[in-house]
Structure formats: C-alpha cells, structure tokens
N, C-alpha and C. Protein backbone atom coordinates (compact mmCIF):
# COMPACT_ATOMS: atom_id res chain seq x y z
N MET A 1 -14.39 4.25 -17.06
CA MET A 1 -15.21 3.10 -16.60
C MET A 1 -14.62 2.61 -15.32
N ALA A 2 -16.09 2.24 -14.27
CA ALA A 2 -15.37 1.76 -13.10
C ALA A 2 -14.94 0.30 -12.88
N ASP A 3 -14.50 -0.31 -12.21
CA ASP A 3 -13.88 -1.74 -12.20
C ASP A 3 -14.09 -2.20 -11.05
N SER A 4 -14.57 -3.56 -10.62
CA SER A 4 -14.64 -3.97 -9.48
C SER A 4 -13.32 -4.58 -8.93
N GLY A 5 -13.02 -4.50 -7.58
CA GLY A 5 -11.52 -4.93 -7.11
C GLY A 5 -11.59 -6.40 -6.90
N PHE A 6 -12.56 -7.06 -7.49
CA PHE A 6 -12.50 -8.44 -7.02
C PHE A 6 -11.23 -9.35 -7.87
N GLY A 7 -10.71 -9.71 -7.13
CA GLY A 7 -9.48 -10.45 -7.95
C GLY A 7 -8.28 -10.05 -7.70
N VAL A 8 -8.24 -8.88 -6.89
CA VAL A 8 -7.02 -8.30 -6.52
C VAL A 8 -6.07 -9.26 -5.55
N SER A 9 -4.77 -9.16 -5.94
CA SER A 9 -3.66 -9.75 -5.31
C SER A 9 -2.67 -9.04 -4.74
N ILE A 10 -1.65 -9.56 -4.08
CA ILE A 10 -0.90 -9.10 -3.30
C ILE A 10 0.35 -10.27 -3.16
N THR A 11 1.68 -10.14 -3.65
CA THR A 11 2.51 -11.04 -3.61
C THR A 11 3.84 -10.13 -2.97
N PHE A 12 4.40 -11.39 -2.10
CA PHE A 12 5.42 -10.81 -1.95
C PHE A 12 7.45 -11.91 -2.14
N SER A 13 8.32 -11.23 -2.15
CA SER A 13 9.15 -11.81 -2.63
C SER A 13 9.66 -13.21 -2.24
N SER A 14 8.75 -13.13 -0.77
CA SER A 14 9.27 -13.91 0.16
C SER A 14 8.30 -15.51 -0.05
N THR A 15 7.35 -15.25 -0.77
CA THR A 15 5.92 -16.40 -0.73
C THR A 15 5.04 -15.88 -0.12
N PHE A 16 5.48 -15.23 0.60
CA PHE A 16 4.02 -15.14 1.61
C PHE A 16 2.71 -14.60 0.48
N PHE A 17 1.52 -15.27 1.17
CA PHE A 17 0.37 -14.96 0.00
C PHE A 17 -0.67 -14.94 1.27
N ALA A 18 -1.67 -14.31 0.66
CA ALA A 18 -3.00 -14.38 1.95
C ALA A 18 -4.31 -14.09 0.58
N GLU A 19 -5.03 -15.02 1.49
CA GLU A 19 -6.71 -14.38 0.74
C GLU A 19 -7.05 -13.07 0.79
N ILE A 20 -7.03 -12.02 0.13
CA ILE A 20 -7.18 -10.54 0.13
C ILE A 20 -8.58 -10.34 0.12
N LEU A 21 -9.06 -9.60 1.27
CA LEU A 21 -10.59 -9.35 1.39
C LEU A 21 -10.56 -7.94 1.45
N SER A 22 -9.44 -6.68 1.41
CA SER A 22 -9.47 -5.52 0.66
C SER A 22 -7.91 -4.86 0.77
N VAL A 23 -7.81 -3.97 -0.12
CA VAL A 23 -6.48 -3.43 0.12
C VAL A 23 -6.71 -1.69 -0.18
N ASN A 24 -5.83 -1.37 0.68
CA ASN A 24 -5.94 0.21 0.40
C ASN A 24 -4.53 0.43 0.11
N PRO A 25 -4.26 0.54 -1.24
CA PRO A 25 -3.00 0.79 -1.91
C PRO A 25 -2.10 1.87 -1.47
N PRO A 26 -0.91 2.12 -2.06
CA PRO A 26 -0.20 3.51 -0.96
C PRO A 26 -0.87 4.90 -1.29
N SER A 27 -0.53 5.62 -0.37
CA SER A 27 -1.11 6.81 -0.67
C SER A 27 -0.01 7.61 -0.03
N LEU A 28 0.17 8.46 -1.25
CA LEU A 28 1.71 9.24 -1.05
C LEU A 28 1.48 10.73 -0.62
N SER A 29 2.61 11.34 -0.09
CA SER A 29 2.55 12.56 0.39
C SER A 29 3.74 13.26 0.22
N ARG A 30 3.49 14.70 0.42
CA ARG A 30 4.80 15.45 0.13
C ARG A 30 4.48 16.92 1.18
N ALA A 31 5.46 16.87 2.03
CA ALA A 31 5.43 17.58 2.93
C ALA A 31 5.43 19.17 2.61
N PRO A 32 4.74 19.93 3.06
CA PRO A 32 5.47 21.91 2.41
C PRO A 32 6.18 22.40 3.56
N ILE A 33 6.83 23.06 3.00
CA ILE A 33 8.12 23.36 3.94
C ILE A 33 8.01 25.01 3.97
N GLU A 34 7.88 25.56 4.95
CA GLU A 34 7.42 26.96 5.23
C GLU A 34 8.45 28.09 5.04
N THR A 35 8.27 28.78 4.34
CA THR A 35 9.25 29.72 3.52
C THR A 35 8.66 31.43 4.23
N THR A 36 7.89 31.56 5.06
CA THR A 36 7.38 32.68 5.46
C THR A 36 8.63 33.60 6.24
N HIS A 37 8.67 34.53 6.34
CA HIS A 37 9.99 35.39 6.63
C HIS A 37 9.55 36.93 7.14
N SER A 38 10.39 37.60 7.88
CA SER A 38 10.07 38.99 8.27
C SER A 38 9.70 40.09 7.10
N GLY A 39 10.35 39.49 5.96
CA GLY A 39 9.92 40.31 4.94
C GLY A 39 8.72 39.44 3.99
N THR A 40 8.37 38.83 4.58
CA THR A 40 6.95 38.56 3.67
C THR A 40 5.92 39.44 3.43
N SER A 41 5.60 40.01 2.57
CA SER A 41 4.46 41.39 2.38
C SER A 41 3.26 40.74 2.29
N SER A 42 2.94 39.79 2.24
CA SER A 42 1.33 39.29 2.07
C SER A 42 0.94 39.00 3.44
N GLY A 43 1.73 39.14 4.48
CA GLY A 43 0.90 38.74 5.72
C GLY A 43 0.31 37.68 5.94
N ARG A 44 0.81 36.72 4.90
CA ARG A 44 0.54 35.18 4.79
C ARG A 44 1.52 34.33 4.81
N ALA A 45 1.45 33.24 5.36
CA ALA A 45 2.56 32.25 5.21
C ALA A 45 2.74 31.75 3.93
N THR A 46 3.93 31.43 3.17
CA THR A 46 4.55 30.75 1.97
C THR A 46 5.25 29.47 2.39
N PHE A 47 4.79 28.86 1.30
CA PHE A 47 5.42 27.37 1.18
C PHE A 47 6.30 27.19 -0.08
N ILE A 48 7.06 26.24 -0.04
CA ILE A 48 7.55 25.62 -1.39
C ILE A 48 7.22 24.12 -0.86
N PRO A 49 7.14 22.99 -2.14
CA PRO A 49 7.16 21.65 -1.59
C PRO A 49 8.18 20.98 -1.31
N SER A 50 8.52 20.17 -0.56
CA SER A 50 9.61 19.07 -0.10
C SER A 50 9.99 18.72 -1.63
N ASP A 51 11.22 18.18 -1.41
CA ASP A 51 11.86 17.25 -2.53
C ASP A 51 11.47 15.80 -2.38
N ILE A 52 11.40 15.40 -1.11
CA ILE A 52 10.77 14.28 -0.63
C ILE A 52 9.61 13.70 -0.68
N ILE A 53 9.10 12.87 -1.10
CA ILE A 53 7.77 12.02 -1.59
C ILE A 53 7.78 10.98 -0.67
N ASP A 54 6.74 11.01 0.58
CA ASP A 54 6.64 9.79 1.17
C ASP A 54 5.82 8.86 0.26
N ASN A 55 5.81 7.95 0.14
CA ASN A 55 5.11 6.71 -0.62
C ASN A 55 4.04 5.86 0.31
N GLY A 56 4.21 6.33 1.75
CA GLY A 56 3.21 5.93 2.53
C GLY A 56 3.31 4.49 2.94
N GLU A 57 2.02 3.86 2.92
CA GLU A 57 2.07 2.40 3.35
C GLU A 57 0.91 1.77 2.95
N ILE A 58 0.40 0.65 2.91
CA ILE A 58 -0.61 -0.19 2.64
C ILE A 58 -1.26 -0.80 3.79
N GLU A 59 -2.58 -0.92 3.62
CA GLU A 59 -2.84 -1.55 4.38
C GLU A 59 -3.83 -2.87 3.38
N VAL A 60 -4.10 -4.12 4.12
CA VAL A 60 -4.70 -4.94 3.61
C VAL A 60 -5.17 -6.20 4.67
N GLU A 61 -6.64 -6.25 4.31
CA GLU A 61 -7.18 -7.27 5.30
C GLU A 61 -7.05 -8.16 4.44
N MET A 62 -7.02 -9.72 5.11
CA MET A 62 -6.94 -10.65 4.48
C MET A 62 -7.75 -11.83 5.78
N ALA A 63 -7.72 -13.01 4.89
CA ALA A 63 -8.04 -14.20 5.77
C ALA A 63 -7.26 -14.71 6.41
N PHE A 64 -7.15 -14.89 8.04
CA PHE A 64 -6.48 -15.07 8.39
C PHE A 64 -6.02 -16.45 8.56
N ILE A 65 -5.35 -17.23 8.85
CA ILE A 65 -4.55 -18.67 8.55
C ILE A 65 -3.71 -18.88 9.77
N PRO A 66 -4.37 -19.44 10.82
CA PRO A 66 -3.45 -19.87 11.67
C PRO A 66 -2.31 -21.10 11.49
N GLY A 67 -1.14 -20.66 11.59
CA GLY A 67 -0.13 -21.34 11.48
C GLY A 67 1.03 -20.77 10.32
N THR A 68 0.12 -19.85 9.73
CA THR A 68 0.88 -19.32 8.51
C THR A 68 1.94 -17.98 9.14
N GLU A 69 3.15 -17.99 9.33
CA GLU A 69 3.71 -16.69 9.59
C GLU A 69 3.86 -15.77 8.94
N PRO A 70 3.54 -14.35 9.17
CA PRO A 70 3.40 -13.48 8.05
C PRO A 70 5.06 -13.04 8.23
N PRO A 71 5.45 -12.18 7.18
CA PRO A 71 7.40 -12.06 7.09
C PRO A 71 7.46 -10.49 8.09
N ILE A 72 6.65 -10.50 9.06
CA ILE A 72 7.03 -8.81 9.65
C ILE A 72 8.32 -8.98 10.37
N GLY A 73 8.92 -10.18 10.56
CA GLY A 73 10.20 -9.66 10.79
C GLY A 73 11.23 -10.04 9.97
N SER A 74 10.98 -10.09 8.59
CA SER A 74 11.78 -9.60 7.25
C SER A 74 12.26 -8.50 6.92
N ALA A 75 13.24 -8.24 6.34
CA ALA A 75 14.02 -6.86 5.76
C ALA A 75 12.97 -6.99 4.67
N ALA A 76 13.41 -5.33 4.28
CA ALA A 76 12.31 -4.95 2.78
C ALA A 76 12.36 -5.88 2.03
N GLU A 77 11.56 -6.48 1.43
CA GLU A 77 11.41 -6.92 0.04
C GLU A 77 10.18 -6.25 -1.16
N THR A 78 10.34 -7.24 -2.19
CA THR A 78 9.34 -6.60 -3.53
C THR A 78 7.92 -7.25 -2.96
N VAL A 79 7.16 -6.11 -3.26
CA VAL A 79 5.95 -6.47 -2.84
C VAL A 79 5.18 -5.91 -4.07
N THR A 80 4.18 -6.79 -4.51
CA THR A 80 3.53 -5.95 -6.12
C THR A 80 2.14 -6.49 -5.77
N ILE A 81 1.55 -5.64 -6.10
CA ILE A 81 -0.14 -5.34 -5.91
C ILE A 81 -0.42 -5.71 -7.40
N THR A 82 -1.54 -6.65 -7.93
CA THR A 82 -1.71 -6.81 -8.92
C THR A 82 -3.54 -6.50 -8.89
N TYR A 83 -3.81 -5.68 -9.90
CA TYR A 83 -5.29 -5.06 -10.09
C TYR A 83 -5.84 -6.28 -10.67
N PRO A 84 -7.52 -6.31 -10.91
CA PRO A 84 -8.08 -7.29 -11.31
C PRO A 84 -8.01 -7.03 -13.04
N THR A 85 -8.33 -8.07 -13.55
CA THR A 85 -8.14 -7.89 -14.99
C THR A 85 -9.31 -6.95 -15.58
N PRO A 86 -9.60 -5.67 -16.51
CA PRO A 86 -10.54 -4.99 -16.82
C PRO A 86 -11.15 -5.73 -17.63
N ALA A 87 -12.45 -5.34 -17.67
CA ALA A 87 -13.34 -5.70 -18.80
C ALA A 87 -12.42 -5.02 -20.27
N GLY A 88 -12.84 -6.04 -21.30
CA GLY A 88 -12.18 -6.08 -22.41
C GLY A 88 -10.94 -7.10 -22.57
N GLY A 89 -10.70 -7.99 -21.56
CA GLY A 89 -9.58 -9.29 -21.98
C GLY A 89 -8.23 -8.59 -21.66
N MET A 90 -8.06 -7.38 -21.11
CA MET A 90 -6.66 -6.89 -20.87
C MET A 90 -6.00 -7.49 -19.87
N THR A 91 -4.77 -7.11 -19.52
CA THR A 91 -3.70 -7.94 -18.46
C THR A 91 -4.14 -6.76 -17.56
N GLY A 92 -4.05 -7.23 -15.81
CA GLY A 92 -4.46 -5.99 -14.72
C GLY A 92 -3.30 -5.34 -14.74
N ALA A 93 -3.37 -3.93 -14.38
CA ALA A 93 -2.30 -3.32 -13.92
C ALA A 93 -1.85 -3.59 -12.45
N THR A 94 -0.31 -3.14 -12.59
CA THR A 94 0.23 -3.42 -11.00
C THR A 94 0.92 -2.57 -10.48
N VAL A 95 1.23 -2.43 -9.38
CA VAL A 95 1.98 -1.61 -8.68
C VAL A 95 3.07 -2.49 -8.01
N ALA A 96 4.24 -2.12 -8.03
CA ALA A 96 5.55 -2.63 -7.35
C ALA A 96 6.53 -1.98 -6.60
N PHE A 97 6.77 -2.24 -5.45
CA PHE A 97 7.45 -1.69 -4.52
C PHE A 97 8.31 -2.28 -3.49
N SER A 98 9.29 -1.81 -2.97
CA SER A 98 10.10 -2.23 -1.53
C SER A 98 9.26 -2.15 -0.51
N GLY A 99 8.69 -3.25 0.25
CA GLY A 99 8.26 -2.75 1.59
C GLY A 99 8.57 -3.82 3.12
N PHE A 100 8.17 -3.40 3.85
CA PHE A 100 8.24 -4.13 4.79
C PHE A 100 7.00 -3.90 5.63
N MET A 101 6.86 -5.39 6.40
CA MET A 101 5.45 -5.16 7.01
C MET A 101 5.79 -4.86 8.19
N THR A 102 4.68 -3.46 9.01
CA THR A 102 4.92 -2.93 10.09
C THR A 102 3.76 -3.27 11.26
N GLY A 103 3.11 -4.14 10.79
CA GLY A 103 2.06 -4.34 11.48
C GLY A 103 1.33 -6.03 11.12
N PHE A 104 0.76 -6.36 12.05
CA PHE A 104 -0.08 -7.96 11.91
C PHE A 104 -1.43 -7.97 12.87
N SER A 105 -2.11 -8.04 12.66
CA SER A 105 -3.20 -8.12 13.75
C SER A 105 -4.52 -9.05 13.29
N PRO A 106 -4.39 -10.08 13.90
CA PRO A 106 -5.76 -11.19 13.72
C PRO A 106 -6.72 -10.83 14.36
N THR A 107 -7.92 -11.30 13.78
CA THR A 107 -8.80 -10.63 14.62
C THR A 107 -9.84 -12.33 14.52
N VAL A 108 -10.28 -12.97 15.43
CA VAL A 108 -10.52 -14.50 15.62
C VAL A 108 -11.89 -14.35 16.28
N PRO A 109 -13.24 -13.89 15.56
CA PRO A 109 -14.48 -13.98 16.33
C PRO A 109 -14.88 -15.29 16.55
N ILE A 110 -15.82 -15.57 17.66
CA ILE A 110 -16.59 -16.66 17.75
C ILE A 110 -17.29 -17.37 16.94
N ASP A 111 -18.24 -16.75 16.01
CA ASP A 111 -19.03 -17.30 14.80
C ASP A 111 -18.82 -16.42 13.67
N ASP A 112 -17.59 -16.22 13.17
CA ASP A 112 -17.31 -15.64 12.19
C ASP A 112 -15.94 -15.89 11.21
N ARG A 113 -15.98 -15.47 10.04
CA ARG A 113 -14.82 -15.64 9.74
C ARG A 113 -13.20 -15.14 10.13
N MET A 114 -12.62 -15.84 10.48
CA MET A 114 -10.96 -15.06 10.96
C MET A 114 -10.35 -14.53 10.03
N THR A 115 -10.12 -13.06 10.45
CA THR A 115 -9.46 -12.23 9.58
C THR A 115 -8.00 -11.60 10.09
N ALA A 116 -7.51 -10.94 9.22
CA ALA A 116 -6.02 -9.92 10.00
C ALA A 116 -6.12 -8.89 9.19
N ARG A 117 -5.38 -7.82 9.38
CA ARG A 117 -5.17 -6.49 8.79
C ARG A 117 -3.64 -6.64 9.29
N ALA A 118 -3.29 -6.15 7.98
CA ALA A 118 -1.49 -5.88 7.89
C ALA A 118 -0.98 -4.64 7.27
N THR A 119 -0.20 -3.96 7.75
CA THR A 119 0.50 -2.75 7.45
C THR A 119 1.83 -2.91 6.89
N ILE A 120 2.14 -2.61 5.34
CA ILE A 120 3.19 -2.90 4.76
C ILE A 120 3.56 -1.13 4.71
N LYS A 121 4.85 -0.80 4.67
CA LYS A 121 5.42 0.58 4.93
C LYS A 121 6.05 0.47 3.18
N VAL A 122 6.02 1.45 2.37
CA VAL A 122 6.86 1.19 1.20
C VAL A 122 7.92 2.07 1.44
N SER A 123 8.80 1.59 0.77
CA SER A 123 10.18 2.27 1.17
C SER A 123 10.96 2.40 -0.18
N GLY A 124 11.13 3.65 -0.64
CA GLY A 124 11.62 3.93 -2.13
C GLY A 124 10.89 4.36 -3.11
N ALA A 125 10.76 4.05 -4.40
CA ALA A 125 9.87 4.26 -5.80
C ALA A 125 8.98 3.29 -5.58
N ILE A 126 8.15 3.74 -6.63
CA ILE A 126 6.92 2.60 -6.96
C ILE A 126 7.10 2.43 -8.62
N THR A 127 6.70 1.09 -8.81
CA THR A 127 6.81 1.34 -10.15
C THR A 127 5.16 0.74 -10.78
N TYR A 128 4.64 1.86 -11.68
CA TYR A 128 3.21 1.69 -11.83
C TYR A 128 3.40 0.81 -13.41
N THR A 129 2.55 -0.17 -13.34
CA THR A 129 2.34 -0.71 -14.84
C THR A 129 1.02 -0.67 -15.01
N ALA A 130 0.51 0.09 -16.03
CA ALA A 130 -0.96 0.11 -16.52
C ALA A 130 -1.36 -1.11 -17.12
N ALA A 131 -2.67 -1.29 -16.92
CA ALA A 131 -3.20 -2.12 -18.12
C ALA A 131 -2.78 -2.65 -19.24
N THR A 132 -2.66 -3.75 -19.84
CA THR A 132 -2.60 -3.90 -21.31
C THR A 132 -3.27 -4.51 -22.04
C-alpha cells in the first residue's frame, strides 16, 4: 500500500531543523571490480562486487528561513529521517546515520516561497527502523 510523504521530518543532533518540502533518501551504490584477464574464455568482461558500499547522500528541499544558519561547517553528526505515520495508527519508520552537509543553496524568488536545497553526505552505516 502506498503512503503519502506528508509529515516527513529530518533532525540533526545539532538541533538544526527545517520545514521540509521534499526528501530524496540515501541512494546506495556498490562498485563493480573488473576481473577480466587474458585467460578469460568467454570473450566478455567479468566482475565481482566491491566489499565497500557507498551509502550516498540525501537531498532535501526545505523552506528557507533567513538568519537560520545551516550546519554546513559542522563535523559529521547524527541525522534522522522520520517517515510519516502510515495508516493504521503505527509509528513511522526511521533512517538514521552519521552525515554532514556538503551543500546548501537558497533560492529567493521575487513573488514566491523562499526555498533551499541541501545535500547531506552519509558517512558509515545506516540504521533502518521499520514502522511499528
């Protein structure tokens, strides 16, 4: 069953908080390591998976509030994404990880909502907690 993203929140251990408009959660990737050599009989490249998984980054679009300093100069800290409570009175799922802000870009249009985009790099493991 599909759920709405309305109510998603992100918290930082530094207490930075923003009015979230959209979130692109971590996108994981794992590099291939080529193992092709002169004796490879298939005539095709062969690969094995890397042991290292890159937990990627998250992108957040938020309301821009002038005078609120984003933690872009901070060290890595705990970042928690709390998903909206699904139907049925359950507690929403969470994703928590150590991360640091690598980009913060405000947009201030003349006659529209001020917004900002932030990029947060995930460093290390991600803890997933299912809705209960």
